[in-house]
Amino acid sequence: LSKIGTSWEKGKISISQEHLATVIIRKFL
């Protein structure tokens, strides 16, 4: 989660990618 958040803050991934990753993790949990 930290890596995903840092990547988004630095502009390495888009907000849609960050949201998609979060949805996948939430579904697993």
PDB file of all heavy atoms in Angstrom:
ATOM      1  N   LEU A   1       0.824  -1.204   0.000  1.00  0.00           N
ATOM      2  CA  LEU A   1       0.000   0.000   0.000  1.00  0.00           C
ATOM      3  C   LEU A   1       0.860   1.257   0.000  1.00  0.00           C
ATOM      4  O   LEU A   1       0.546   2.242  -0.689  1.00  0.00           O
ATOM      5  CB  LEU A   1      -0.931  -0.008   1.214  1.00  0.00           C
ATOM      6  CG  LEU A   1      -2.088  -0.999   1.172  1.00  0.00           C
ATOM      7  CD1 LEU A   1      -2.772  -1.073   2.539  1.00  0.00           C
ATOM      8  CD2 LEU A   1      -3.088  -0.609   0.104  1.00  0.00           C
ATOM      9  N   SER A   2       1.939   1.226   0.768  1.00  0.00           N
ATOM     10  CA  SER A   2       2.851   2.371   0.809  1.00  0.00           C
ATOM     11  C   SER A   2       3.495   2.608  -0.553  1.00  0.00           C
ATOM     12  O   SER A   2       3.617   3.756  -1.016  1.00  0.00           O
ATOM     13  CB  SER A   2       3.936   2.159   1.864  1.00  0.00           C
ATOM     14  OG  SER A   2       3.389   2.082   3.160  1.00  0.00           O
ATOM     15  N   LYS A   3       3.875   1.529  -1.214  1.00  0.00           N
ATOM     16  CA  LYS A   3       4.499   1.643  -2.530  1.00  0.00           C
ATOM     17  C   LYS A   3       3.515   2.199  -3.549  1.00  0.00           C
ATOM     18  O   LYS A   3       3.877   3.046  -4.381  1.00  0.00           O
ATOM     19  CB  LYS A   3       5.022   0.277  -2.972  1.00  0.00           C
ATOM     20  CG  LYS A   3       5.786   0.320  -4.295  1.00  0.00           C
ATOM     21  CD  LYS A   3       6.484  -1.005  -4.572  1.00  0.00           C
ATOM     22  CE  LYS A   3       7.328  -0.893  -5.851  1.00  0.00           C
ATOM     23  NZ  LYS A   3       8.146  -2.097  -6.074  1.00  0.00           N
ATOM     24  N   ILE A   4       2.278   1.747  -3.486  1.00  0.00           N
ATOM     25  CA  ILE A   4       1.255   2.246  -4.395  1.00  0.00           C
ATOM     26  C   ILE A   4       1.002   3.734  -4.144  1.00  0.00           C
ATOM     27  O   ILE A   4       0.932   4.537  -5.086  1.00  0.00           O
ATOM     28  CB  ILE A   4      -0.050   1.443  -4.225  1.00  0.00           C
ATOM     29  CG1 ILE A   4       0.148   0.006  -4.715  1.00  0.00           C
ATOM     30  CG2 ILE A   4      -1.204   2.106  -4.993  1.00  0.00           C
ATOM     31  CD1 ILE A   4      -0.995  -0.927  -4.352  1.00  0.00           C
ATOM     32  N   GLY A   5       0.878   4.104  -2.862  1.00  0.00           N
ATOM     33  CA  GLY A   5       0.642   5.504  -2.518  1.00  0.00           C
ATOM     34  C   GLY A   5       1.785   6.413  -2.937  1.00  0.00           C
ATOM     35  O   GLY A   5       1.570   7.507  -3.476  1.00  0.00           O
ATOM     36  N   THR A   6       3.021   5.968  -2.689  1.00  0.00           N
ATOM     37  CA  THR A   6       4.190   6.763  -3.073  1.00  0.00           C
ATOM     38  C   THR A   6       4.277   6.922  -4.587  1.00  0.00           C
ATOM     39  O   THR A   6       4.599   7.999  -5.098  1.00  0.00           O
ATOM     40  CB  THR A   6       5.475   6.097  -2.547  1.00  0.00           C
ATOM     41  OG1 THR A   6       5.413   6.007  -1.118  1.00  0.00           O
ATOM     42  CG2 THR A   6       6.700   6.908  -2.938  1.00  0.00           C
ATOM     43  N   SER A   7       3.973   5.847  -5.302  1.00  0.00           N
ATOM     44  CA  SER A   7       4.015   5.905  -6.762  1.00  0.00           C
ATOM     45  C   SER A   7       2.994   6.900  -7.303  1.00  0.00           C
ATOM     46  O   SER A   7       3.258   7.631  -8.268  1.00  0.00           O
ATOM     47  CB  SER A   7       3.754   4.517  -7.365  1.00  0.00           C
ATOM     48  OG  SER A   7       4.786   3.620  -7.025  1.00  0.00           O
ATOM     49  N   TRP A   8       1.830   6.945  -6.689  1.00  0.00           N
ATOM     50  CA  TRP A   8       0.807   7.895  -7.125  1.00  0.00           C
ATOM     51  C   TRP A   8       1.224   9.328  -6.809  1.00  0.00           C
ATOM     52  O   TRP A   8       1.084  10.234  -7.635  1.00  0.00           O
ATOM     53  CB  TRP A   8      -0.525   7.575  -6.449  1.00  0.00           C
ATOM     54  CG  TRP A   8      -1.567   8.599  -6.765  1.00  0.00           C
ATOM     55  CD1 TRP A   8      -2.208   8.784  -7.956  1.00  0.00           C
ATOM     56  CD2 TRP A   8      -2.075   9.594  -5.875  1.00  0.00           C
ATOM     57  NE1 TRP A   8      -3.083   9.843  -7.873  1.00  0.00           N
ATOM     58  CE2 TRP A   8      -3.026  10.354  -6.597  1.00  0.00           C
ATOM     59  CE3 TRP A   8      -1.827   9.914  -4.543  1.00  0.00           C
ATOM     60  CZ2 TRP A   8      -3.721  11.419  -6.020  1.00  0.00           C
ATOM     61  CZ3 TRP A   8      -2.519  10.970  -3.968  1.00  0.00           C
ATOM     62  CH2 TRP A   8      -3.451  11.703  -4.708  1.00  0.00           C
ATOM     63  N   GLU A   9       1.774   9.543  -5.597  1.00  0.00           N
ATOM     64  CA  GLU A   9       2.209  10.889  -5.209  1.00  0.00           C
ATOM     65  C   GLU A   9       3.298  11.421  -6.134  1.00  0.00           C
ATOM     66  O   GLU A   9       3.360  12.622  -6.424  1.00  0.00           O
ATOM     67  CB  GLU A   9       2.714  10.872  -3.764  1.00  0.00           C
ATOM     68  CG  GLU A   9       1.611  10.662  -2.731  1.00  0.00           C
ATOM     69  CD  GLU A   9       2.161  10.506  -1.328  1.00  0.00           C
ATOM     70  OE1 GLU A   9       3.411  10.456  -1.184  1.00  0.00           O
ATOM     71  OE2 GLU A   9       1.354  10.433  -0.375  1.00  0.00           O
ATOM     72  N   LYS A  10       4.161  10.529  -6.617  1.00  0.00           N
ATOM     73  CA  LYS A  10       5.246  10.934  -7.498  1.00  0.00           C
ATOM     74  C   LYS A  10       4.848  10.944  -8.974  1.00  0.00           C
ATOM     75  O   LYS A  10       5.674  11.231  -9.841  1.00  0.00           O
ATOM     76  CB  LYS A  10       6.448  10.008  -7.295  1.00  0.00           C
ATOM     77  CG  LYS A  10       7.096  10.140  -5.921  1.00  0.00           C
ATOM     78  CD  LYS A  10       8.324   9.240  -5.802  1.00  0.00           C
ATOM     79  CE  LYS A  10       9.012   9.416  -4.454  1.00  0.00           C
ATOM     80  NZ  LYS A  10      10.216   8.545  -4.324  1.00  0.00           N
ATOM     81  N   GLY A  11       3.598  10.622  -9.244  1.00  0.00           N
ATOM     82  CA  GLY A  11       3.117  10.658 -10.614  1.00  0.00           C
ATOM     83  C   GLY A  11       3.524   9.466 -11.461  1.00  0.00           C
ATOM     84  O   GLY A  11       3.404   9.502 -12.694  1.00  0.00           O
ATOM     85  N   LYS A  12       3.966   8.398 -10.812  1.00  0.00           N
ATOM     86  CA  LYS A  12       4.387   7.207 -11.562  1.00  0.00           C
ATOM     87  C   LYS A  12       3.204   6.366 -12.020  1.00  0.00           C
ATOM     88  O   LYS A  12       3.309   5.601 -12.975  1.00  0.00           O
ATOM     89  CB  LYS A  12       5.335   6.360 -10.704  1.00  0.00           C
ATOM     90  CG  LYS A  12       6.668   7.042 -10.405  1.00  0.00           C
ATOM     91  CD  LYS A  12       7.568   6.129  -9.577  1.00  0.00           C
ATOM     92  CE  LYS A  12       8.916   6.779  -9.310  1.00  0.00           C
ATOM     93  NZ  LYS A  12       9.809   5.892  -8.506  1.00  0.00           N
ATOM     94  N   ILE A  13       2.094   6.473 -11.301  1.00  0.00           N
ATOM     95  CA  ILE A  13       0.874   5.776 -11.698  1.00  0.00           C
ATOM     96  C   ILE A  13      -0.276   6.775 -11.656  1.00  0.00           C
ATOM     97  O   ILE A  13      -0.211   7.802 -10.971  1.00  0.00           O
ATOM     98  CB  ILE A  13       0.556   4.564 -10.795  1.00  0.00           C
ATOM     99  CG1 ILE A  13       0.330   5.008  -9.349  1.00  0.00           C
ATOM    100  CG2 ILE A  13       1.662   3.532 -10.875  1.00  0.00           C
ATOM    101  CD1 ILE A  13      -0.127   3.880  -8.427  1.00  0.00           C
ATOM    102  N   SER A  14      -1.335   6.469 -12.374  1.00  0.00           N
ATOM    103  CA  SER A  14      -2.487   7.361 -12.422  1.00  0.00           C
ATOM    104  C   SER A  14      -3.418   7.109 -11.242  1.00  0.00           C
ATOM    105  O   SER A  14      -3.300   6.095 -10.546  1.00  0.00           O
ATOM    106  CB  SER A  14      -3.253   7.151 -13.735  1.00  0.00           C
ATOM    107  OG  SER A  14      -3.809   5.843 -13.768  1.00  0.00           O
ATOM    108  N   ILE A  15      -4.355   8.021 -11.023  1.00  0.00           N
ATOM    109  CA  ILE A  15      -5.321   7.857  -9.944  1.00  0.00           C
ATOM    110  C   ILE A  15      -6.208   6.639 -10.207  1.00  0.00           C
ATOM    111  O   ILE A  15      -6.620   5.945  -9.277  1.00  0.00           O
ATOM    112  CB  ILE A  15      -6.187   9.125  -9.779  1.00  0.00           C
ATOM    113  CG1 ILE A  15      -7.104   9.000  -8.568  1.00  0.00           C
ATOM    114  CG2 ILE A  15      -6.992   9.392 -11.044  1.00  0.00           C
ATOM    115  CD1 ILE A  15      -6.389   8.867  -7.254  1.00  0.00           C
ATOM    116  N   SER A  16      -6.476   6.347 -11.458  1.00  0.00           N
ATOM    117  CA  SER A  16      -7.283   5.173 -11.796  1.00  0.00           C
ATOM    118  C   SER A  16      -6.539   3.886 -11.447  1.00  0.00           C
ATOM    119  O   SER A  16      -7.147   2.910 -10.986  1.00  0.00           O
ATOM    120  CB  SER A  16      -7.679   5.182 -13.275  1.00  0.00           C
ATOM    121  OG  SER A  16      -6.539   5.171 -14.102  1.00  0.00           O
ATOM    122  N   GLN A  17      -5.218   3.869 -11.657  1.00  0.00           N
ATOM    123  CA  GLN A  17      -4.423   2.692 -11.285  1.00  0.00           C
ATOM    124  C   GLN A  17      -4.390   2.519  -9.772  1.00  0.00           C
ATOM    125  O   GLN A  17      -4.478   1.408  -9.256  1.00  0.00           O
ATOM    126  CB  GLN A  17      -2.998   2.820 -11.834  1.00  0.00           C
ATOM    127  CG  GLN A  17      -2.885   2.626 -13.336  1.00  0.00           C
ATOM    128  CD  GLN A  17      -1.469   2.839 -13.825  1.00  0.00           C
ATOM    129  OE1 GLN A  17      -0.886   3.916 -13.638  1.00  0.00           O
ATOM    130  NE2 GLN A  17      -0.896   1.812 -14.452  1.00  0.00           N
ATOM    131  N   GLU A  18      -4.255   3.645  -9.067  1.00  0.00           N
ATOM    132  CA  GLU A  18      -4.251   3.592  -7.598  1.00  0.00           C
ATOM    133  C   GLU A  18      -5.585   3.073  -7.085  1.00  0.00           C
ATOM    134  O   GLU A  18      -5.646   2.237  -6.172  1.00  0.00           O
ATOM    135  CB  GLU A  18      -3.972   4.991  -7.046  1.00  0.00           C
ATOM    136  CG  GLU A  18      -3.749   5.046  -5.526  1.00  0.00           C
ATOM    137  CD  GLU A  18      -5.040   5.147  -4.733  1.00  0.00           C
ATOM    138  OE1 GLU A  18      -6.070   5.539  -5.318  1.00  0.00           O
ATOM    139  OE2 GLU A  18      -5.029   4.820  -3.520  1.00  0.00           O
ATOM    140  N   HIS A  19      -6.672   3.552  -7.689  1.00  0.00           N
ATOM    141  CA  HIS A  19      -8.004   3.114  -7.271  1.00  0.00           C
ATOM    142  C   HIS A  19      -8.213   1.637  -7.585  1.00  0.00           C
ATOM    143  O   HIS A  19      -8.743   0.889  -6.757  1.00  0.00           O
ATOM    144  CB  HIS A  19      -9.068   3.952  -7.982  1.00  0.00           C
ATOM    145  CG  HIS A  19     -10.473   3.528  -7.655  1.00  0.00           C
ATOM    146  ND1 HIS A  19     -11.058   3.741  -6.419  1.00  0.00           N
ATOM    147  CD2 HIS A  19     -11.403   2.879  -8.416  1.00  0.00           C
ATOM    148  CE1 HIS A  19     -12.283   3.240  -6.426  1.00  0.00           C
ATOM    149  NE2 HIS A  19     -12.521   2.720  -7.618  1.00  0.00           N
ATOM    150  N   LEU A  20      -7.785   1.215  -8.745  1.00  0.00           N
ATOM    151  CA  LEU A  20      -7.940  -0.181  -9.145  1.00  0.00           C
ATOM    152  C   LEU A  20      -7.181  -1.106  -8.203  1.00  0.00           C
ATOM    153  O   LEU A  20      -7.691  -2.151  -7.789  1.00  0.00           O
ATOM    154  CB  LEU A  20      -7.436  -0.364 -10.575  1.00  0.00           C
ATOM    155  CG  LEU A  20      -7.586  -1.761 -11.202  1.00  0.00           C
ATOM    156  CD1 LEU A  20      -9.045  -2.180 -11.232  1.00  0.00           C
ATOM    157  CD2 LEU A  20      -7.004  -1.762 -12.613  1.00  0.00           C
ATOM    158  N   ALA A  21      -5.957  -0.724  -7.844  1.00  0.00           N
ATOM    159  CA  ALA A  21      -5.153  -1.523  -6.924  1.00  0.00           C
ATOM    160  C   ALA A  21      -5.829  -1.624  -5.555  1.00  0.00           C
ATOM    161  O   ALA A  21      -5.871  -2.703  -4.941  1.00  0.00           O
ATOM    162  CB  ALA A  21      -3.763  -0.907  -6.776  1.00  0.00           C
ATOM    163  N   THR A  22      -6.389  -0.508  -5.089  1.00  0.00           N
ATOM    164  CA  THR A  22      -7.062  -0.493  -3.795  1.00  0.00           C
ATOM    165  C   THR A  22      -8.284  -1.402  -3.793  1.00  0.00           C
ATOM    166  O   THR A  22      -8.542  -2.128  -2.821  1.00  0.00           O
ATOM    167  CB  THR A  22      -7.489   0.939  -3.431  1.00  0.00           C
ATOM    168  OG1 THR A  22      -6.329   1.781  -3.366  1.00  0.00           O
ATOM    169  CG2 THR A  22      -8.189   0.976  -2.076  1.00  0.00           C
ATOM    170  N   VAL A  23      -9.046  -1.382  -4.880  1.00  0.00           N
ATOM    171  CA  VAL A  23     -10.236  -2.227  -4.986  1.00  0.00           C
ATOM    172  C   VAL A  23      -9.854  -3.707  -4.918  1.00  0.00           C
ATOM    173  O   VAL A  23     -10.519  -4.505  -4.246  1.00  0.00           O
ATOM    174  CB  VAL A  23     -10.994  -1.931  -6.294  1.00  0.00           C
ATOM    175  CG1 VAL A  23     -12.068  -2.992  -6.553  1.00  0.00           C
ATOM    176  CG2 VAL A  23     -11.622  -0.546  -6.237  1.00  0.00           C
ATOM    177  N   ILE A  24      -8.781  -4.081  -5.608  1.00  0.00           N
ATOM    178  CA  ILE A  24      -8.333  -5.481  -5.608  1.00  0.00           C
ATOM    179  C   ILE A  24      -7.930  -5.920  -4.208  1.00  0.00           C
ATOM    180  O   ILE A  24      -8.295  -7.010  -3.744  1.00  0.00           O
ATOM    181  CB  ILE A  24      -7.161  -5.665  -6.589  1.00  0.00           C
ATOM    182  CG1 ILE A  24      -7.665  -5.522  -8.037  1.00  0.00           C
ATOM    183  CG2 ILE A  24      -6.483  -7.031  -6.397  1.00  0.00           C
ATOM    184  CD1 ILE A  24      -6.559  -5.537  -9.075  1.00  0.00           C
ATOM    185  N   ILE A  25      -7.177  -5.074  -3.513  1.00  0.00           N
ATOM    186  CA  ILE A  25      -6.722  -5.408  -2.159  1.00  0.00           C
ATOM    187  C   ILE A  25      -7.913  -5.482  -1.206  1.00  0.00           C
ATOM    188  O   ILE A  25      -8.002  -6.386  -0.371  1.00  0.00           O
ATOM    189  CB  ILE A  25      -5.694  -4.373  -1.667  1.00  0.00           C
ATOM    190  CG1 ILE A  25      -4.440  -4.426  -2.544  1.00  0.00           C
ATOM    191  CG2 ILE A  25      -5.329  -4.624  -0.200  1.00  0.00           C
ATOM    192  CD1 ILE A  25      -3.448  -3.311  -2.278  1.00  0.00           C
ATOM    193  N   ARG A  26      -8.838  -4.531  -1.331  1.00  0.00           N
ATOM    194  CA  ARG A  26     -10.020  -4.540  -0.465  1.00  0.00           C
ATOM    195  C   ARG A  26     -10.842  -5.813  -0.668  1.00  0.00           C
ATOM    196  O   ARG A  26     -11.342  -6.403   0.292  1.00  0.00           O
ATOM    197  CB  ARG A  26     -10.885  -3.307  -0.732  1.00  0.00           C
ATOM    198  CG  ARG A  26     -12.136  -3.250   0.157  1.00  0.00           C
ATOM    199  CD  ARG A  26     -13.022  -2.058  -0.162  1.00  0.00           C
ATOM    200  NE  ARG A  26     -12.386  -0.814   0.229  1.00  0.00           N
ATOM    201  CZ  ARG A  26     -11.993   0.113  -0.637  1.00  0.00           C
ATOM    202  NH1 ARG A  26     -12.140  -0.090  -1.945  1.00  0.00           N
ATOM    203  NH2 ARG A  26     -11.432   1.232  -0.209  1.00  0.00           N
ATOM    204  N   LYS A  27     -11.001  -6.226  -1.910  1.00  0.00           N
ATOM    205  CA  LYS A  27     -11.785  -7.421  -2.198  1.00  0.00           C
ATOM    206  C   LYS A  27     -11.144  -8.652  -1.566  1.00  0.00           C
ATOM    207  O   LYS A  27     -11.834  -9.515  -1.012  1.00  0.00           O
ATOM    208  CB  LYS A  27     -11.928  -7.610  -3.705  1.00  0.00           C
ATOM    209  CG  LYS A  27     -12.850  -8.761  -4.096  1.00  0.00           C
ATOM    210  CD  LYS A  27     -12.960  -8.898  -5.603  1.00  0.00           C
ATOM    211  CE  LYS A  27     -13.668  -7.718  -6.215  1.00  0.00           C
ATOM    212  NZ  LYS A  27     -13.908  -7.929  -7.672  1.00  0.00           N
ATOM    213  N   PHE A  28      -9.829  -8.738  -1.649  1.00  0.00           N
ATOM    214  CA  PHE A  28      -9.118  -9.858  -1.027  1.00  0.00           C
ATOM    215  C   PHE A  28      -9.338  -9.874   0.477  1.00  0.00           C
ATOM    216  O   PHE A  28      -9.660 -10.915   1.067  1.00  0.00           O
ATOM    217  CB  PHE A  28      -7.623  -9.764  -1.342  1.00  0.00           C
ATOM    218  CG  PHE A  28      -6.749 -10.559  -0.418  1.00  0.00           C
ATOM    219  CD1 PHE A  28      -6.747 -11.945  -0.455  1.00  0.00           C
ATOM    220  CD2 PHE A  28      -5.924  -9.921   0.501  1.00  0.00           C
ATOM    221  CE1 PHE A  28      -5.941 -12.687   0.405  1.00  0.00           C
ATOM    222  CE2 PHE A  28      -5.109 -10.655   1.357  1.00  0.00           C
ATOM    223  CZ  PHE A  28      -5.125 -12.035   1.308  1.00  0.00           C
ATOM    224  N   LEU A  29      -9.199  -8.712   1.115  1.00  0.00           N
ATOM    225  CA  LEU A  29      -9.335  -8.635   2.563  1.00  0.00           C
ATOM    226  C   LEU A  29     -10.759  -8.956   3.014  1.00  0.00           C
ATOM    227  O   LEU A  29     -10.961  -9.663   4.011  1.00  0.00           O
ATOM    228  CB  LEU A  29      -8.937  -7.241   3.047  1.00  0.00           C
ATOM    229  CG  LEU A  29      -7.464  -6.863   2.871  1.00  0.00           C
ATOM    230  CD1 LEU A  29      -7.245  -5.402   3.240  1.00  0.00           C
ATOM    231  CD2 LEU A  29      -6.565  -7.763   3.702  1.00  0.00           C
TER     232      LEU A  29
END
